[in-house]
Protein backbone atom coordinates (compact mmCIF):
# COMPACT_ATOMS: atom_id res chain seq x y z
CA UNK A 1 127.91 86.33 106.34
CA UNK A 2 126.36 89.66 105.30
CA UNK A 3 125.50 92.54 107.59
CA UNK A 4 121.82 93.06 108.15
CA UNK A 5 119.07 94.73 110.13
CA UNK A 6 118.59 92.40 113.09
CA UNK A 7 115.80 94.30 114.87
CA UNK A 8 113.84 97.55 114.67
CA UNK A 9 112.27 99.47 117.55
CA UNK A 10 109.61 102.16 117.14
CA UNK A 11 108.31 105.06 119.24
CA UNK A 12 105.81 107.91 118.93
CA UNK A 13 104.99 110.76 121.33
CA UNK A 14 101.67 110.84 123.14
CA UNK A 15 98.43 109.54 121.68
CA UNK A 16 97.37 109.53 118.03
CA UNK A 17 95.63 112.71 116.87
CA UNK A 18 92.81 112.24 114.38
CA UNK A 19 93.49 113.81 110.98
CA UNK A 20 90.13 115.61 111.09
CA UNK A 21 91.11 117.23 114.40
CA UNK A 22 94.38 118.47 112.89
CA UNK A 23 92.42 119.80 109.90
CA UNK A 24 90.20 121.79 112.26
CA UNK A 25 93.29 123.24 113.99
CA UNK A 26 94.80 124.24 110.63
CA UNK A 27 91.58 125.91 109.48
CA UNK A 28 91.75 128.14 112.55
CA UNK A 29 95.49 128.72 112.26
CA UNK A 30 95.19 129.78 108.62
CA UNK A 31 92.10 131.87 109.54
CA UNK A 32 90.14 130.41 106.63
CA UNK A 33 86.65 131.34 105.56
CA UNK A 34 83.94 128.70 105.04
CA UNK A 35 84.85 127.97 101.41
CA UNK A 36 88.59 127.59 102.00
CA UNK A 37 87.91 125.54 105.14
CA UNK A 38 85.90 123.05 103.08
CA UNK A 39 88.73 122.82 100.53
CA UNK A 40 91.30 122.15 103.26
CA UNK A 41 89.03 119.58 104.91
CA UNK A 42 88.66 117.77 101.59
CA UNK A 43 92.46 117.66 101.13
CA UNK A 44 92.89 116.14 104.60
CA UNK A 45 90.19 113.54 104.00
CA UNK A 46 91.86 112.47 100.74
CA UNK A 47 95.37 112.32 102.21
CA UNK A 48 95.25 108.60 103.09
CA UNK A 49 96.05 109.57 106.69
CA UNK A 50 93.67 108.86 109.57
CA UNK A 51 95.93 109.92 112.46
CA UNK A 52 99.32 111.39 113.30
CA UNK A 53 101.45 111.97 116.40
CA UNK A 54 103.00 115.18 117.70
CA UNK A 55 105.16 116.29 120.62
CA UNK A 56 102.88 119.34 120.72
CA UNK A 57 99.49 118.89 122.40
CA UNK A 58 98.10 122.07 120.85
CA UNK A 59 97.07 120.36 117.61
CA UNK A 60 94.21 118.59 119.38
CA UNK A 61 92.91 121.68 121.18
CA UNK A 62 90.10 123.79 119.77
CA UNK A 63 90.45 126.79 122.11
CA UNK A 64 93.64 128.92 121.77
CA UNK A 65 93.39 129.67 125.49
CA UNK A 66 94.39 126.04 126.10
CA UNK A 67 97.58 126.23 123.99
CA UNK A 68 100.87 125.53 125.75
CA UNK A 69 103.25 126.14 122.80
CA UNK A 70 101.47 128.41 120.34
CA UNK A 71 100.29 131.86 121.55
CA UNK A 72 96.88 132.17 123.20
CA UNK A 73 95.71 134.44 120.41
CA UNK A 74 93.31 134.01 117.50
CA UNK A 75 95.93 134.95 114.89
CA UNK A 76 98.70 132.79 116.48
CA UNK A 77 100.87 135.86 116.99
CA UNK A 78 103.60 136.25 118.07
CA UNK A 79 104.34 133.05 116.10
CA UNK A 80 107.00 130.83 117.79
CA UNK A 81 110.51 131.29 116.43
CA UNK A 82 113.08 128.66 115.55
CA UNK A 83 114.77 128.91 118.97
CA UNK A 84 111.55 127.97 120.78
CA UNK A 85 110.97 125.03 118.44
CA UNK A 86 114.53 123.74 118.88
CA UNK A 87 114.10 123.94 122.64
CA UNK A 88 111.15 121.53 122.38
CA UNK A 89 113.35 119.28 120.24
CA UNK A 90 116.08 119.38 122.91
CA UNK A 91 113.61 118.46 125.63
CA UNK A 92 111.73 115.67 123.84
CA UNK A 93 113.90 114.03 121.15
CA UNK A 94 116.32 112.15 123.47
CA UNK A 95 113.52 110.44 125.43
CA UNK A 96 111.73 109.38 122.25
CA UNK A 97 115.00 107.96 120.89
CA UNK A 98 115.62 106.07 124.12
CA UNK A 99 112.18 104.44 123.90
CA UNK A 100 112.86 103.34 120.30
CA UNK A 101 116.29 101.90 121.23
CA UNK A 102 114.92 99.98 124.22
CA UNK A 103 112.21 98.50 121.98
CA UNK A 104 114.83 97.61 119.36
CA UNK A 105 117.29 95.89 121.71
CA UNK A 106 114.48 94.02 123.48
CA UNK A 107 113.96 92.11 120.22
CA UNK A 108 117.61 91.02 120.02
CA UNK A 109 120.21 89.29 122.13
CA UNK A 110 122.40 92.41 122.12
CA UNK A 111 122.69 94.60 125.22
CA UNK A 112 123.20 98.36 125.18
CA UNK A 113 126.74 97.89 126.50
CA UNK A 114 127.57 95.80 123.39
CA UNK A 115 126.97 98.71 120.99
CA UNK A 116 130.17 99.88 119.28
CA UNK A 117 128.84 102.56 116.89
CA UNK A 118 125.93 105.00 117.06
CA UNK A 119 124.45 106.82 114.05
CA UNK A 120 121.93 109.60 114.74
CA UNK A 121 119.68 110.77 111.90
CA UNK A 122 117.43 113.84 111.98
CA UNK A 123 116.44 116.67 109.67
CA UNK A 124 114.01 118.34 112.07
CA UNK A 125 116.33 119.31 114.91
CA UNK A 126 119.96 119.90 115.79
CA UNK A 127 121.86 120.69 118.95
CA UNK A 128 125.32 120.25 120.46
CA UNK A 129 126.06 118.30 122.58
CA UNK A 130 123.74 116.23 120.44
CA UNK A 131 120.92 113.77 120.92
CA UNK A 132 123.41 110.96 120.41
CA UNK A 133 125.39 112.02 123.49
CA UNK A 134 122.24 112.28 125.58
CA UNK A 135 121.33 108.80 124.37
CA UNK A 136 124.74 107.40 125.30
CA UNK A 137 124.27 108.75 128.82
CA UNK A 138 120.69 107.53 129.32
CA UNK A 139 121.50 104.05 127.96
CA UNK A 140 124.82 103.86 129.81
CA UNK A 141 126.75 103.20 126.61
CA UNK A 142 130.53 103.03 126.67
CA UNK A 143 132.12 106.49 126.34
CA UNK A 144 134.31 105.08 123.56
CA UNK A 145 131.33 104.37 121.27
CA UNK A 146 131.96 105.91 117.85
CA UNK A 147 129.16 108.24 116.88
CA UNK A 148 128.07 109.84 113.62
CA UNK A 149 125.31 112.32 112.79
CA UNK A 150 123.35 112.57 109.54
CA UNK A 151 121.44 115.86 109.45
CA UNK A 152 119.18 117.67 107.00
CA UNK A 153 119.07 115.00 104.28
CA UNK A 154 115.29 114.63 104.53
CA UNK A 155 113.09 111.60 104.00
CA UNK A 156 115.81 109.39 102.48
CA UNK A 157 118.30 109.89 105.34
CA UNK A 158 117.62 106.49 106.95
CA UNK A 159 119.01 104.92 103.78
CA UNK A 160 122.19 106.95 104.22
CA UNK A 161 122.39 105.76 107.81
CA UNK A 162 121.86 102.11 106.84
CA UNK A 163 124.53 102.32 104.13
CA UNK A 164 126.98 103.85 106.61
CA UNK A 165 126.17 101.09 109.13
CA UNK A 166 126.74 98.45 106.45
CA UNK A 167 130.12 99.92 105.53
CA UNK A 168 131.16 100.03 109.21
CA UNK A 169 130.27 96.35 109.70
CA UNK A 170 132.12 95.39 106.52
CA UNK A 171 135.21 97.21 107.79
CA UNK A 172 134.82 95.93 111.37
CA UNK A 173 133.01 92.54 111.30
CA UNK A 174 132.43 92.48 115.07
CA UNK A 175 130.78 95.91 115.11
CA UNK A 176 127.30 96.35 116.59
CA UNK A 177 125.87 99.49 115.00
CA UNK A 178 122.81 101.30 116.32
CA UNK A 179 121.02 103.53 113.84
CA UNK A 180 118.58 105.97 115.47
CA UNK A 181 116.25 108.24 113.49
CA UNK A 182 114.14 110.91 115.17
CA UNK A 183 111.92 113.42 113.40
CA UNK A 184 109.69 115.97 115.11
CA UNK A 185 108.19 117.35 111.91
CA UNK A 186 105.20 119.00 113.58
CA UNK A 187 107.50 121.47 115.33
CA UNK A 188 107.83 123.21 111.98
CA UNK A 189 104.19 124.00 111.26
CA UNK A 190 103.90 127.14 109.11
CA UNK A 191 100.71 129.22 109.19
CA UNK A 192 101.11 131.17 105.94
CA UNK A 193 98.40 129.84 103.60
CA UNK A 194 100.43 128.75 100.55
CA UNK A 195 100.76 125.50 98.60
CA UNK A 196 104.05 124.29 100.11
CA UNK A 197 102.82 124.81 103.68
CA UNK A 198 99.37 123.35 103.00
CA UNK A 199 100.89 120.10 101.67
CA UNK A 200 103.52 119.79 104.42
CA UNK A 201 101.04 120.55 107.21
CA UNK A 202 98.68 117.85 105.90
CA UNK A 203 101.30 115.06 105.73
CA UNK A 204 103.94 115.11 108.44
CA UNK A 205 103.98 113.56 111.89
CA UNK A 206 106.47 112.80 114.69
CA UNK A 207 108.25 109.58 115.57
CA UNK A 208 111.52 107.75 116.21
CA UNK A 209 112.94 104.41 115.14
CA UNK A 210 116.08 102.46 115.98
CA UNK A 211 117.68 99.68 113.93
CA UNK A 212 120.43 97.30 115.03
CA UNK A 213 122.84 96.48 112.19
CA UNK A 214 125.45 93.71 112.54
CA UNK A 215 126.63 90.47 110.97
CA UNK A 216 123.84 87.96 111.44
CA UNK A 217 121.82 85.28 109.73
CA UNK A 218 118.66 86.81 111.19
CA UNK A 219 116.62 89.77 110.03
CA UNK A 220 117.00 91.68 106.76
CA UNK A 221 120.33 91.15 105.01
CA UNK A 222 121.75 94.19 103.22
CA UNK A 223 122.68 93.10 99.69
CA UNK A 224 123.30 96.29 97.66
CA UNK A 225 122.23 99.89 97.18
CA UNK A 226 122.04 102.67 94.60
CA UNK A 227 121.78 106.45 94.88
CA UNK A 228 120.44 108.61 92.06
CA UNK A 229 119.75 112.34 91.76
CA UNK A 230 116.81 113.35 89.55
CA UNK A 231 117.90 116.86 88.57
CA UNK A 232 114.54 117.72 87.01
CA UNK A 233 113.07 117.89 90.51
CA UNK A 234 115.83 119.94 92.15
CA UNK A 235 113.50 122.90 92.80
CA UNK A 236 110.46 120.83 93.75
CA UNK A 237 111.61 119.47 97.13
CA UNK A 238 113.81 121.55 99.41
CA UNK A 239 114.32 122.20 103.12
CA UNK A 240 115.72 125.35 104.77
CA UNK A 241 116.02 127.05 108.15
CA UNK A 242 113.70 130.01 108.57
CA UNK A 243 112.95 132.45 111.36
CA UNK A 244 109.86 130.43 112.37
CA UNK A 245 111.20 126.87 112.19
CA UNK A 246 112.35 124.88 109.20
CA UNK A 247 110.63 125.71 105.92
CA UNK A 248 109.82 123.11 103.28
CA UNK A 249 109.31 123.50 99.57
CA UNK A 250 107.09 120.61 98.51
CA UNK A 251 105.68 120.72 94.99
CA UNK A 252 102.52 118.91 93.91
CA UNK A 253 104.51 117.74 90.86
CA UNK A 254 106.79 115.42 92.87
CA UNK A 255 104.73 112.23 92.23
CA UNK A 256 104.87 112.86 88.47
CA UNK A 257 108.61 113.61 88.58
CA UNK A 258 109.24 110.37 90.48
CA UNK A 259 107.11 108.47 87.99
CA UNK A 260 109.17 109.82 85.10
CA UNK A 261 112.50 109.35 86.88
CA UNK A 262 111.84 105.75 87.89
CA UNK A 263 110.64 104.88 84.39
CA UNK A 264 113.98 106.12 83.06
CA UNK A 265 115.89 104.08 85.66
CA UNK A 266 114.20 100.72 85.08
CA UNK A 267 117.08 99.35 83.01
CA UNK A 268 119.62 100.43 85.62
CA UNK A 269 117.53 98.80 88.35
CA UNK A 270 117.40 95.59 86.33
CA UNK A 271 121.18 95.51 86.01
CA UNK A 272 121.81 96.39 89.65
CA UNK A 273 119.00 94.55 91.46
CA UNK A 274 117.56 92.07 88.92
CA UNK A 275 114.33 94.06 89.25
CA UNK A 276 112.24 91.53 87.30
CA UNK A 277 112.86 88.89 90.00
CA UNK A 278 111.87 91.10 92.97
CA UNK A 279 108.39 90.53 94.42
CA UNK A 280 108.52 92.70 97.55
CA UNK A 281 108.82 96.48 97.75
CA UNK A 282 109.23 98.83 100.71
CA UNK A 283 108.56 102.33 99.41
CA UNK A 284 108.80 105.41 101.59
CA UNK A 285 105.21 106.60 102.07
CA UNK A 286 105.82 110.25 101.33
CA UNK A 287 102.17 110.51 100.37
CA UNK A 288 99.38 108.47 98.84
CA UNK A 289 100.05 109.78 95.34
CA UNK A 290 103.76 109.03 95.59
CA UNK A 291 103.05 105.40 96.46
CA UNK A 292 100.59 105.13 93.60
CA UNK A 293 102.93 106.68 91.02
CA UNK A 294 105.89 104.47 92.03
CA UNK A 295 103.68 101.38 91.91
CA UNK A 296 102.44 102.34 88.45
CA UNK A 297 105.96 103.16 87.20
CA UNK A 298 107.09 99.62 88.04
CA UNK A 299 103.86 98.05 86.76
CA UNK A 300 103.14 96.48 90.15
CA UNK A 301 99.97 95.37 91.91
CA UNK A 302 98.49 97.73 94.51
CA UNK A 303 99.10 95.09 97.18
CA UNK A 304 102.88 95.76 97.18
CA UNK A 305 102.17 99.01 99.04
CA UNK A 306 99.93 97.49 101.71
CA UNK A 307 102.39 98.04 104.59
CA UNK A 308 103.47 101.48 103.40
CA UNK A 309 99.84 102.59 103.07
CA UNK A 310 99.05 101.33 106.56
CA UNK A 311 102.01 103.24 108.04
CA UNK A 312 100.91 106.37 106.19
CA UNK A 313 97.36 105.89 107.46
CA UNK A 314 98.34 105.49 111.12
CA UNK A 315 101.32 107.86 111.39
CA UNK A 316 101.54 110.14 108.36
CA UNK A 317 104.94 110.90 106.85
CA UNK A 318 107.58 110.97 109.61
CA UNK A 319 110.40 111.87 107.21
CA UNK A 320 113.47 109.61 107.66
CA UNK A 321 111.80 107.54 110.38
CA UNK A 322 108.96 106.31 108.17
CA UNK A 323 110.76 103.68 106.10
CA UNK A 324 111.90 101.89 109.27
CA UNK A 325 108.24 101.66 110.34
CA UNK A 326 107.48 100.03 106.97
CA UNK A 327 110.43 97.60 107.23
CA UNK A 328 109.46 96.70 110.82
CA UNK A 329 106.02 95.62 109.58
CA UNK A 330 107.55 93.61 106.75
CA UNK A 331 109.97 91.86 109.11
CA UNK A 332 106.99 90.49 111.04
CA UNK A 333 104.94 89.54 107.98
CA UNK A 334 105.44 85.78 107.51
CA UNK A 335 104.14 85.98 103.94
CA UNK A 336 107.09 88.14 102.88
CA UNK A 337 110.19 86.17 101.95
CA UNK A 338 113.11 86.78 99.59
CA UNK A 339 114.35 90.08 98.20
CA UNK A 340 112.84 93.42 99.20
CA UNK A 341 113.59 96.53 97.14
CA UNK A 342 113.28 99.59 99.35
CA UNK A 343 113.16 103.17 98.08
CA UNK A 344 113.16 106.61 99.64
CA UNK A 345 113.02 110.12 98.24
CA UNK A 346 114.17 113.52 99.41
CA UNK A 347 115.60 116.93 98.53
CA UNK A 348 117.59 117.05 95.36
CA UNK A 349 115.35 115.34 94.10
CA UNK A 350 117.23 112.30 95.47
CA UNK A 351 116.23 108.66 95.07
CA UNK A 352 117.86 106.14 97.42
CA UNK A 353 117.41 102.42 96.77
CA UNK A 354 118.34 99.51 99.04
CA UNK A 355 118.08 95.79 98.24
CA UNK A 356 117.39 93.61 101.28
CA UNK A 357 116.84 89.89 101.69
CA UNK A 358 114.50 88.37 104.24
C-alpha cells in the first residue's frame, strides 16, 4: 500500500478582490501618469486573473485616508518595513492555517489528535516559536508531534513537503502526516516601478492549504518524483529579504526558459514517469504564459490546464499553496482517473515533478 494524499483543505483570507481594483491601487501606489496607467491596466487585464485574496484590506480602498496598513499619504511614505509586514504574518497566518487544516480533516476519518507529524511550508513569513507551534496549540495536537519547517523555497516548496511526508510514511507506516502551506504574498508589495515588481504585484495572492498524507487506498497515491535544476535560469527567479519586505526577482523570460528546459528533459521524463502514457497534468499556475509554454513543450491539448487556469483566475499565484488548490480540484473531478504528472517551479530555476495516481 503506497502513501498518498488522502484529503486537501483550502483557505483564503477575507473576500476576493477584483483584479481591476488591485490594478487601480497599484496605479496610485506607483504614482503613474495616464499613459503608464493604461499600460499597467492592460497587463492586469491580460494576466488571466480575475480576482485575488489578501490579508490586507488596503488593496480594495481607493482613498489613502482609509488605509489601515499602508501610510495615509499619497506617496505611500513612510513605506512599511519588513518588521511591520512580519507582524501581520504573525497575527494572521496561524488562523488561516487552522481553517485549512479543519477543512482538510473534515474530509477524512482522521482526527487532529491522530496526527503524528506536522510539516509547515512558507516562503512569505517566518517567526519563532513558529506557525506550526501555534497550530499545534489551536488544534490541541499532542506535544510529541514531530514538526518540520520548509522555508524560502518558493513556489515549488509544496512538492518538497509532499516528498518529505512520503519519506516519513515509508519509514513509519502508521504515520499520519499533515502538510500545511501558508503564503501571504501580498504582504511584500513593492512600490518601486520596475519590471520585477510590476510582474510580482500583478500575479500573487494569499492563501493556505493543508494535505493529509498517510498509507491509504483513497486519494492520490504518490508514485515517484524528480527534482531538476535549470541553471540557465538561475538569475531569472530569486527571492531575498529586503528592508521593505521580501523582494522578488521575476524575469519575463521564465516561460521561455521553462519551455527550453522541459524540452530537454522529455527523454528523462519518459524514462522516469512513462510520460507518453500520462493523460493528466497538474502544473503550478505561476502565470498564464507559464502554463501555455509547458503545455506546448509537452505537445498537449489546452484542456490539460483547465483546473490550473481556473485556480489562477480565481486566486492568482499563491506560491507554494497554489498546486494544492489545483490538486484539490482534480481530486473532485470524476473525469480524471489514472496517473497525474504534477510540476512546480521556483528559484534556482528549480523544476519539481511528482507522479500521482488517482
